[in-house]
Amino acid sequence: MTLGRKAVTVAELDNTGATDVSEALNALLLAQAATGGTVFLKPGFYRLDNPITVPTGVELLGSLDFGQAELYNGVGSILQI
């Protein structure tokens, strides 16, 4: 996917908050650093048991999908630390 001229990676991570996604999210962010662009988190809860680093040139973008707002109690992408 692209947003303007920048690549967008849609993170396919556990968004229930049941498992730690720190390592997988860091890997996605690092991979995106090669070209720059955005890592997008779908609505949900993302458990982070360890720090994440967003490299220069990379944007970490969450969402509030109004069509799904009731499913997630009206919240978008939540980082649980």
PDB file of N, CA and C in Angstrom:
ATOM      1  N   MET A   1       0.837  -1.166   0.000  1.00  0.00           N
ATOM      2  CA  MET A   1       0.000   0.000   0.000  1.00  0.00           C
ATOM      3  C   MET A   1       0.885   1.234   0.000  1.00  0.00           C
ATOM      4  N   THR A   2       0.442   2.311  -0.612  1.00  0.00           N
ATOM      5  CA  THR A   2       1.187   3.563  -0.575  1.00  0.00           C
ATOM      6  C   THR A   2       0.289   4.694  -0.114  1.00  0.00           C
ATOM      7  N   LEU A   3       0.880   5.667   0.515  1.00  0.00           N
ATOM      8  CA  LEU A   3       0.199   6.873   0.953  1.00  0.00           C
ATOM      9  C   LEU A   3       1.015   8.016   0.380  1.00  0.00           C
ATOM     10  N   GLY A   4       0.513   8.635  -0.699  1.00  0.00           N
ATOM     11  CA  GLY A   4       1.336   9.585  -1.423  1.00  0.00           C
ATOM     12  C   GLY A   4       2.455   8.801  -2.083  1.00  0.00           C
ATOM     13  N   ARG A   5       3.694   9.141  -1.798  1.00  0.00           N
ATOM     14  CA  ARG A   5       4.839   8.419  -2.345  1.00  0.00           C
ATOM     15  C   ARG A   5       5.487   7.496  -1.336  1.00  0.00           C
ATOM     16  N   LYS A   6       4.983   7.491  -0.128  1.00  0.00           N
ATOM     17  CA  LYS A   6       5.581   6.676   0.934  1.00  0.00           C
ATOM     18  C   LYS A   6       4.877   5.332   1.053  1.00  0.00           C
ATOM     19  N   ALA A   7       5.654   4.303   1.336  1.00  0.00           N
ATOM     20  CA  ALA A   7       5.098   2.968   1.528  1.00  0.00           C
ATOM     21  C   ALA A   7       4.398   2.879   2.882  1.00  0.00           C
ATOM     22  N   VAL A   8       3.322   2.110   2.920  1.00  0.00           N
ATOM     23  CA  VAL A   8       2.591   1.869   4.165  1.00  0.00           C
ATOM     24  C   VAL A   8       2.569   0.370   4.410  1.00  0.00           C
ATOM     25  N   THR A   9       2.994  -0.031   5.588  1.00  0.00           N
ATOM     26  CA  THR A   9       2.917  -1.424   5.998  1.00  0.00           C
ATOM     27  C   THR A   9       1.791  -1.547   7.013  1.00  0.00           C
ATOM     28  N   VAL A  10       0.818  -2.403   6.731  1.00  0.00           N
ATOM     29  CA  VAL A  10      -0.261  -2.661   7.677  1.00  0.00           C
ATOM     30  C   VAL A  10       0.206  -3.783   8.590  1.00  0.00           C
ATOM     31  N   ALA A  11       0.355  -3.462   9.856  1.00  0.00           N
ATOM     32  CA  ALA A  11       0.861  -4.438  10.823  1.00  0.00           C
ATOM     33  C   ALA A  11      -0.178  -5.520  11.073  1.00  0.00           C
ATOM     34  N   GLU A  12       0.202  -6.758  10.821  1.00  0.00           N
ATOM     35  CA  GLU A  12      -0.666  -7.911  11.105  1.00  0.00           C
ATOM     36  C   GLU A  12      -0.203  -8.517  12.427  1.00  0.00           C
ATOM     37  N   LEU A  13      -0.552  -7.834  13.507  1.00  0.00           N
ATOM     38  CA  LEU A  13      -0.143  -8.231  14.851  1.00  0.00           C
ATOM     39  C   LEU A  13      -1.377  -8.552  15.686  1.00  0.00           C
ATOM     40  N   ASP A  14      -1.163  -9.268  16.792  1.00  0.00           N
ATOM     41  CA  ASP A  14      -2.257  -9.540  17.715  1.00  0.00           C
ATOM     42  C   ASP A  14      -2.776  -8.210  18.259  1.00  0.00           C
ATOM     43  N   ASN A  15      -4.025  -7.885  17.968  1.00  0.00           N
ATOM     44  CA  ASN A  15      -4.595  -6.629  18.447  1.00  0.00           C
ATOM     45  C   ASN A  15      -5.654  -6.855  19.527  1.00  0.00           C
ATOM     46  N   THR A  16      -5.495  -7.972  20.257  1.00  0.00           N
ATOM     47  CA  THR A  16      -6.407  -8.269  21.361  1.00  0.00           C
ATOM     48  C   THR A  16      -5.804  -7.907  22.714  1.00  0.00           C
ATOM     49  N   GLY A  17      -4.500  -7.644  22.741  1.00  0.00           N
ATOM     50  CA  GLY A  17      -3.815  -7.375  23.997  1.00  0.00           C
ATOM     51  C   GLY A  17      -3.410  -8.628  24.742  1.00  0.00           C
ATOM     52  N   ALA A  18      -3.647  -9.794  24.138  1.00  0.00           N
ATOM     53  CA  ALA A  18      -3.355 -11.060  24.817  1.00  0.00           C
ATOM     54  C   ALA A  18      -1.874 -11.406  24.815  1.00  0.00           C
ATOM     55  N   THR A  19      -1.148 -10.990  23.781  1.00  0.00           N
ATOM     56  CA  THR A  19       0.271 -11.342  23.683  1.00  0.00           C
ATOM     57  C   THR A  19       1.123 -10.102  23.431  1.00  0.00           C
ATOM     58  N   ASP A  20       2.370 -10.182  23.864  1.00  0.00           N
ATOM     59  CA  ASP A  20       3.340  -9.103  23.653  1.00  0.00           C
ATOM     60  C   ASP A  20       3.704  -9.016  22.169  1.00  0.00           C
ATOM     61  N   VAL A  21       3.595  -7.818  21.594  1.00  0.00           N
ATOM     62  CA  VAL A  21       3.933  -7.623  20.173  1.00  0.00           C
ATOM     63  C   VAL A  21       5.176  -6.756  19.996  1.00  0.00           C
ATOM     64  N   SER A  22       5.904  -6.498  21.084  1.00  0.00           N
ATOM     65  CA  SER A  22       7.066  -5.604  21.029  1.00  0.00           C
ATOM     66  C   SER A  22       8.075  -6.014  19.972  1.00  0.00           C
ATOM     67  N   GLU A  23       8.496  -7.272  19.996  1.00  0.00           N
ATOM     68  CA  GLU A  23       9.532  -7.746  19.075  1.00  0.00           C
ATOM     69  C   GLU A  23       9.057  -7.661  17.620  1.00  0.00           C
ATOM     70  N   ALA A  24       7.848  -8.100  17.360  1.00  0.00           N
ATOM     71  CA  ALA A  24       7.317  -8.079  15.987  1.00  0.00           C
ATOM     72  C   ALA A  24       7.130  -6.656  15.490  1.00  0.00           C
ATOM     73  N   LEU A  25       6.658  -5.751  16.350  1.00  0.00           N
ATOM     74  CA  LEU A  25       6.473  -4.359  15.945  1.00  0.00           C
ATOM     75  C   LEU A  25       7.816  -3.695  15.679  1.00  0.00           C
ATOM     76  N   ASN A  26       8.809  -3.953  16.531  1.00  0.00           N
ATOM     77  CA  ASN A  26      10.151  -3.413  16.282  1.00  0.00           C
ATOM     78  C   ASN A  26      10.709  -3.899  14.949  1.00  0.00           C
ATOM     79  N   ALA A  27      10.477  -5.169  14.619  1.00  0.00           N
ATOM     80  CA  ALA A  27      10.956  -5.714  13.341  1.00  0.00           C
ATOM     81  C   ALA A  27      10.282  -5.010  12.161  1.00  0.00           C
ATOM     82  N   LEU A  28       8.987  -4.767  12.251  1.00  0.00           N
ATOM     83  CA  LEU A  28       8.280  -4.046  11.183  1.00  0.00           C
ATOM     84  C   LEU A  28       8.799  -2.623  11.029  1.00  0.00           C
ATOM     85  N   LEU A  29       9.002  -1.955  12.150  1.00  0.00           N
ATOM     86  CA  LEU A  29       9.509  -0.579  12.111  1.00  0.00           C
ATOM     87  C   LEU A  29      10.903  -0.521  11.503  1.00  0.00           C
ATOM     88  N   LEU A  30      11.759  -1.455  11.887  1.00  0.00           N
ATOM     89  CA  LEU A  30      13.116  -1.500  11.345  1.00  0.00           C
ATOM     90  C   LEU A  30      13.108  -1.791   9.852  1.00  0.00           C
ATOM     91  N   ALA A  31      12.253  -2.710   9.413  1.00  0.00           N
ATOM     92  CA  ALA A  31      12.153  -3.024   7.982  1.00  0.00           C
ATOM     93  C   ALA A  31      11.660  -1.810   7.200  1.00  0.00           C
ATOM     94  N   GLN A  32      10.738  -1.050   7.778  1.00  0.00           N
ATOM     95  CA  GLN A  32      10.200   0.134   7.100  1.00  0.00           C
ATOM     96  C   GLN A  32      11.261   1.222   6.985  1.00  0.00           C
ATOM     97  N   ALA A  33      12.243   1.218   7.866  1.00  0.00           N
ATOM     98  CA  ALA A  33      13.289   2.239   7.847  1.00  0.00           C
ATOM     99  C   ALA A  33      14.109   2.216   6.573  1.00  0.00           C
ATOM    100  N   ALA A  34      14.160   1.067   5.903  1.00  0.00           N
ATOM    101  CA  ALA A  34      14.944   0.962   4.662  1.00  0.00           C
ATOM    102  C   ALA A  34      14.422   1.897   3.576  1.00  0.00           C
ATOM    103  N   THR A  35      13.114   2.119   3.549  1.00  0.00           N
ATOM    104  CA  THR A  35      12.520   2.961   2.509  1.00  0.00           C
ATOM    105  C   THR A  35      11.802   4.178   3.073  1.00  0.00           C
ATOM    106  N   GLY A  36      11.607   4.201   4.392  1.00  0.00           N
ATOM    107  CA  GLY A  36      10.795   5.251   4.984  1.00  0.00           C
ATOM    108  C   GLY A  36       9.327   4.911   4.802  1.00  0.00           C
ATOM    109  N   GLY A  37       8.464   5.676   5.421  1.00  0.00           N
ATOM    110  CA  GLY A  37       7.037   5.443   5.277  1.00  0.00           C
ATOM    111  C   GLY A  37       6.364   5.203   6.606  1.00  0.00           C
ATOM    112  N   THR A  38       5.269   4.472   6.557  1.00  0.00           N
ATOM    113  CA  THR A  38       4.377   4.342   7.703  1.00  0.00           C
ATOM    114  C   THR A  38       4.111   2.886   8.051  1.00  0.00           C
ATOM    115  N   VAL A  39       4.078   2.603   9.345  1.00  0.00           N
ATOM    116  CA  VAL A  39       3.575   1.331   9.847  1.00  0.00           C
ATOM    117  C   VAL A  39       2.227   1.661  10.489  1.00  0.00           C
ATOM    118  N   PHE A  40       1.169   1.037   9.978  1.00  0.00           N
ATOM    119  CA  PHE A  40      -0.197   1.316  10.406  1.00  0.00           C
ATOM    120  C   PHE A  40      -0.712   0.209  11.321  1.00  0.00           C
ATOM    121  N   LEU A  41      -1.262   0.607  12.465  1.00  0.00           N
ATOM    122  CA  LEU A  41      -1.872  -0.341  13.398  1.00  0.00           C
ATOM    123  C   LEU A  41      -3.387  -0.268  13.271  1.00  0.00           C
ATOM    124  N   LYS A  42      -4.004  -1.408  12.994  1.00  0.00           N
ATOM    125  CA  LYS A  42      -5.458  -1.490  12.943  1.00  0.00           C
ATOM    126  C   LYS A  42      -6.017  -1.203  14.337  1.00  0.00           C
ATOM    127  N   PRO A  43      -7.310  -0.889  14.440  1.00  0.00           N
ATOM    128  CA  PRO A  43      -7.893  -0.670  15.765  1.00  0.00           C
ATOM    129  C   PRO A  43      -7.715  -1.902  16.658  1.00  0.00           C
ATOM    130  N   GLY A  44      -7.477  -1.656  17.916  1.00  0.00           N
ATOM    131  CA  GLY A  44      -7.317  -2.748  18.862  1.00  0.00           C
ATOM    132  C   GLY A  44      -6.354  -2.388  19.967  1.00  0.00           C
ATOM    133  N   PHE A  45      -5.955  -3.400  20.710  1.00  0.00           N
ATOM    134  CA  PHE A  45      -5.072  -3.240  21.858  1.00  0.00           C
ATOM    135  C   PHE A  45      -3.771  -3.985  21.580  1.00  0.00           C
ATOM    136  N   TYR A  46      -2.648  -3.291  21.646  1.00  0.00           N
ATOM    137  CA  TYR A  46      -1.339  -3.860  21.341  1.00  0.00           C
ATOM    138  C   TYR A  46      -0.504  -3.863  22.611  1.00  0.00           C
ATOM    139  N   ARG A  47      -0.222  -5.055  23.131  1.00  0.00           N
ATOM    140  CA  ARG A  47       0.545  -5.187  24.375  1.00  0.00           C
ATOM    141  C   ARG A  47       2.025  -5.059  24.084  1.00  0.00           C
ATOM    142  N   LEU A  48       2.679  -4.141  24.803  1.00  0.00           N
ATOM    143  CA  LEU A  48       4.115  -3.916  24.672  1.00  0.00           C
ATOM    144  C   LEU A  48       4.772  -4.176  26.022  1.00  0.00           C
ATOM    145  N   ASP A  49       5.470  -5.293  26.125  1.00  0.00           N
ATOM    146  CA  ASP A  49       6.189  -5.607  27.358  1.00  0.00           C
ATOM    147  C   ASP A  49       7.610  -5.058  27.337  1.00  0.00           C
ATOM    148  N   ASN A  50       8.061  -4.623  26.169  1.00  0.00           N
ATOM    149  CA  ASN A  50       9.411  -4.077  26.006  1.00  0.00           C
ATOM    150  C   ASN A  50       9.335  -2.805  25.171  1.00  0.00           C
ATOM    151  N   PRO A  51      10.371  -1.954  25.248  1.00  0.00           N
ATOM    152  CA  PRO A  51      10.351  -0.701  24.486  1.00  0.00           C
ATOM    153  C   PRO A  51      10.330  -0.951  22.971  1.00  0.00           C
ATOM    154  N   ILE A  52       9.760   0.001  22.253  1.00  0.00           N
ATOM    155  CA  ILE A  52       9.844  -0.003  20.792  1.00  0.00           C
ATOM    156  C   ILE A  52      10.590   1.255  20.374  1.00  0.00           C
ATOM    157  N   THR A  53      11.196   1.210  19.195  1.00  0.00           N
ATOM    158  CA  THR A  53      11.910   2.354  18.653  1.00  0.00           C
ATOM    159  C   THR A  53      11.368   2.648  17.270  1.00  0.00           C
ATOM    160  N   VAL A  54      10.939   3.891  17.069  1.00  0.00           N
ATOM    161  CA  VAL A  54      10.467   4.317  15.755  1.00  0.00           C
ATOM    162  C   VAL A  54      11.635   5.038  15.078  1.00  0.00           C
ATOM    163  N   PRO A  55      12.220   4.418  14.018  1.00  0.00           N
ATOM    164  CA  PRO A  55      13.384   5.007  13.367  1.00  0.00           C
ATOM    165  C   PRO A  55      13.060   6.328  12.657  1.00  0.00           C
ATOM    166  N   THR A  56      14.076   7.129  12.440  1.00  0.00           N
ATOM    167  CA  THR A  56      13.941   8.349  11.661  1.00  0.00           C
ATOM    168  C   THR A  56      13.385   8.008  10.284  1.00  0.00           C
ATOM    169  N   GLY A  57      12.421   8.782   9.821  1.00  0.00           N
ATOM    170  CA  GLY A  57      11.828   8.560   8.506  1.00  0.00           C
ATOM    171  C   GLY A  57      10.660   7.602   8.503  1.00  0.00           C
ATOM    172  N   VAL A  58      10.315   7.062   9.696  1.00  0.00           N
ATOM    173  CA  VAL A  58       9.210   6.117   9.809  1.00  0.00           C
ATOM    174  C   VAL A  58       8.146   6.725  10.726  1.00  0.00           C
ATOM    175  N   GLU A  59       6.892   6.560  10.340  1.00  0.00           N
ATOM    176  CA  GLU A  59       5.774   7.023  11.155  1.00  0.00           C
ATOM    177  C   GLU A  59       4.995   5.809  11.648  1.00  0.00           C
ATOM    178  N   LEU A  60       4.661   5.802  12.925  1.00  0.00           N
ATOM    179  CA  LEU A  60       3.797   4.771  13.494  1.00  0.00           C
ATOM    180  C   LEU A  60       2.419   5.398  13.619  1.00  0.00           C
ATOM    181  N   LEU A  61       1.461   4.852  12.886  1.00  0.00           N
ATOM    182  CA  LEU A  61       0.140   5.458  12.785  1.00  0.00           C
ATOM    183  C   LEU A  61      -0.926   4.499  13.294  1.00  0.00           C
ATOM    184  N   GLY A  62      -1.779   4.985  14.169  1.00  0.00           N
ATOM    185  CA  GLY A  62      -2.900   4.202  14.661  1.00  0.00           C
ATOM    186  C   GLY A  62      -4.183   4.647  13.986  1.00  0.00           C
ATOM    187  N   SER A  63      -5.300   4.144  14.513  1.00  0.00           N
ATOM    188  CA  SER A  63      -6.559   4.398  13.830  1.00  0.00           C
ATOM    189  C   SER A  63      -7.715   4.495  14.801  1.00  0.00           C
ATOM    190  N   LEU A  64      -8.733   5.198  14.380  1.00  0.00           N
ATOM    191  CA  LEU A  64     -10.047   5.108  14.989  1.00  0.00           C
ATOM    192  C   LEU A  64     -11.004   4.886  13.838  1.00  0.00           C
ATOM    193  N   ASP A  65     -11.462   3.677  13.727  1.00  0.00           N
ATOM    194  CA  ASP A  65     -12.389   3.296  12.662  1.00  0.00           C
ATOM    195  C   ASP A  65     -13.796   3.449  13.218  1.00  0.00           C
ATOM    196  N   PHE A  66     -14.475   4.518  12.817  1.00  0.00           N
ATOM    197  CA  PHE A  66     -15.794   4.797  13.374  1.00  0.00           C
ATOM    198  C   PHE A  66     -16.794   3.676  13.087  1.00  0.00           C
ATOM    199  N   GLY A  67     -16.601   2.937  12.012  1.00  0.00           N
ATOM    200  CA  GLY A  67     -17.471   1.807  11.717  1.00  0.00           C
ATOM    201  C   GLY A  67     -17.294   0.660  12.698  1.00  0.00           C
ATOM    202  N   GLN A  68     -16.137   0.584  13.349  1.00  0.00           N
ATOM    203  CA  GLN A  68     -15.832  -0.476  14.308  1.00  0.00           C
ATOM    204  C   GLN A  68     -15.781   0.049  15.747  1.00  0.00           C
ATOM    205  N   ALA A  69     -16.151   1.304  15.953  1.00  0.00           N
ATOM    206  CA  ALA A  69     -15.968   1.946  17.258  1.00  0.00           C
ATOM    207  C   ALA A  69     -16.637   1.179  18.391  1.00  0.00           C
ATOM    208  N   GLU A  70     -17.823   0.621  18.169  1.00  0.00           N
ATOM    209  CA  GLU A  70     -18.498  -0.108  19.238  1.00  0.00           C
ATOM    210  C   GLU A  70     -17.747  -1.378  19.618  1.00  0.00           C
ATOM    211  N   LEU A  71     -17.109  -2.022  18.630  1.00  0.00           N
ATOM    212  CA  LEU A  71     -16.357  -3.240  18.891  1.00  0.00           C
ATOM    213  C   LEU A  71     -15.228  -2.991  19.875  1.00  0.00           C
ATOM    214  N   TYR A  72     -14.589  -1.847  19.778  1.00  0.00           N
ATOM    215  CA  TYR A  72     -13.441  -1.527  20.640  1.00  0.00           C
ATOM    216  C   TYR A  72     -13.794  -0.433  21.655  1.00  0.00           C
ATOM    217  N   ASN A  73     -15.060  -0.363  22.047  1.00  0.00           N
ATOM    218  CA  ASN A  73     -15.511   0.625  23.026  1.00  0.00           C
ATOM    219  C   ASN A  73     -15.164   2.048  22.603  1.00  0.00           C
ATOM    220  N   GLY A  74     -15.192   2.308  21.298  1.00  0.00           N
ATOM    221  CA  GLY A  74     -14.977   3.668  20.809  1.00  0.00           C
ATOM    222  C   GLY A  74     -13.530   4.094  20.742  1.00  0.00           C
ATOM    223  N   VAL A  75     -12.583   3.161  20.826  1.00  0.00           N
ATOM    224  CA  VAL A  75     -11.169   3.537  20.802  1.00  0.00           C
ATOM    225  C   VAL A  75     -10.529   3.070  19.505  1.00  0.00           C
ATOM    226  N   GLY A  76      -9.415   3.661  19.188  1.00  0.00           N
ATOM    227  CA  GLY A  76      -8.674   3.266  18.000  1.00  0.00           C
ATOM    228  C   GLY A  76      -7.588   2.265  18.347  1.00  0.00           C
ATOM    229  N   SER A  77      -6.351   2.578  17.990  1.00  0.00           N
ATOM    230  CA  SER A  77      -5.208   1.709  18.253  1.00  0.00           C
ATOM    231  C   SER A  77      -4.586   2.087  19.592  1.00  0.00           C
ATOM    232  N   ILE A  78      -4.612   1.187  20.540  1.00  0.00           N
ATOM    233  CA  ILE A  78      -4.143   1.451  21.898  1.00  0.00           C
ATOM    234  C   ILE A  78      -2.873   0.659  22.171  1.00  0.00           C
ATOM    235  N   LEU A  79      -1.802   1.364  22.567  1.00  0.00           N
ATOM    236  CA  LEU A  79      -0.568   0.694  22.969  1.00  0.00           C
ATOM    237  C   LEU A  79      -0.635   0.484  24.473  1.00  0.00           C
ATOM    238  N   GLN A  80      -0.646  -0.760  24.897  1.00  0.00           N
ATOM    239  CA  GLN A  80      -0.712  -1.083  26.332  1.00  0.00           C
ATOM    240  C   GLN A  80       0.703  -1.329  26.849  1.00  0.00           C
ATOM    241  N   ILE A  81       1.186  -0.406  27.670  1.00  0.00           N
ATOM    242  CA  ILE A  81       2.550  -0.542  28.191  1.00  0.00           C
ATOM    243  C   ILE A  81       2.526  -0.701  29.692  1.00  0.00           C
TER     244      ILE A  81
END
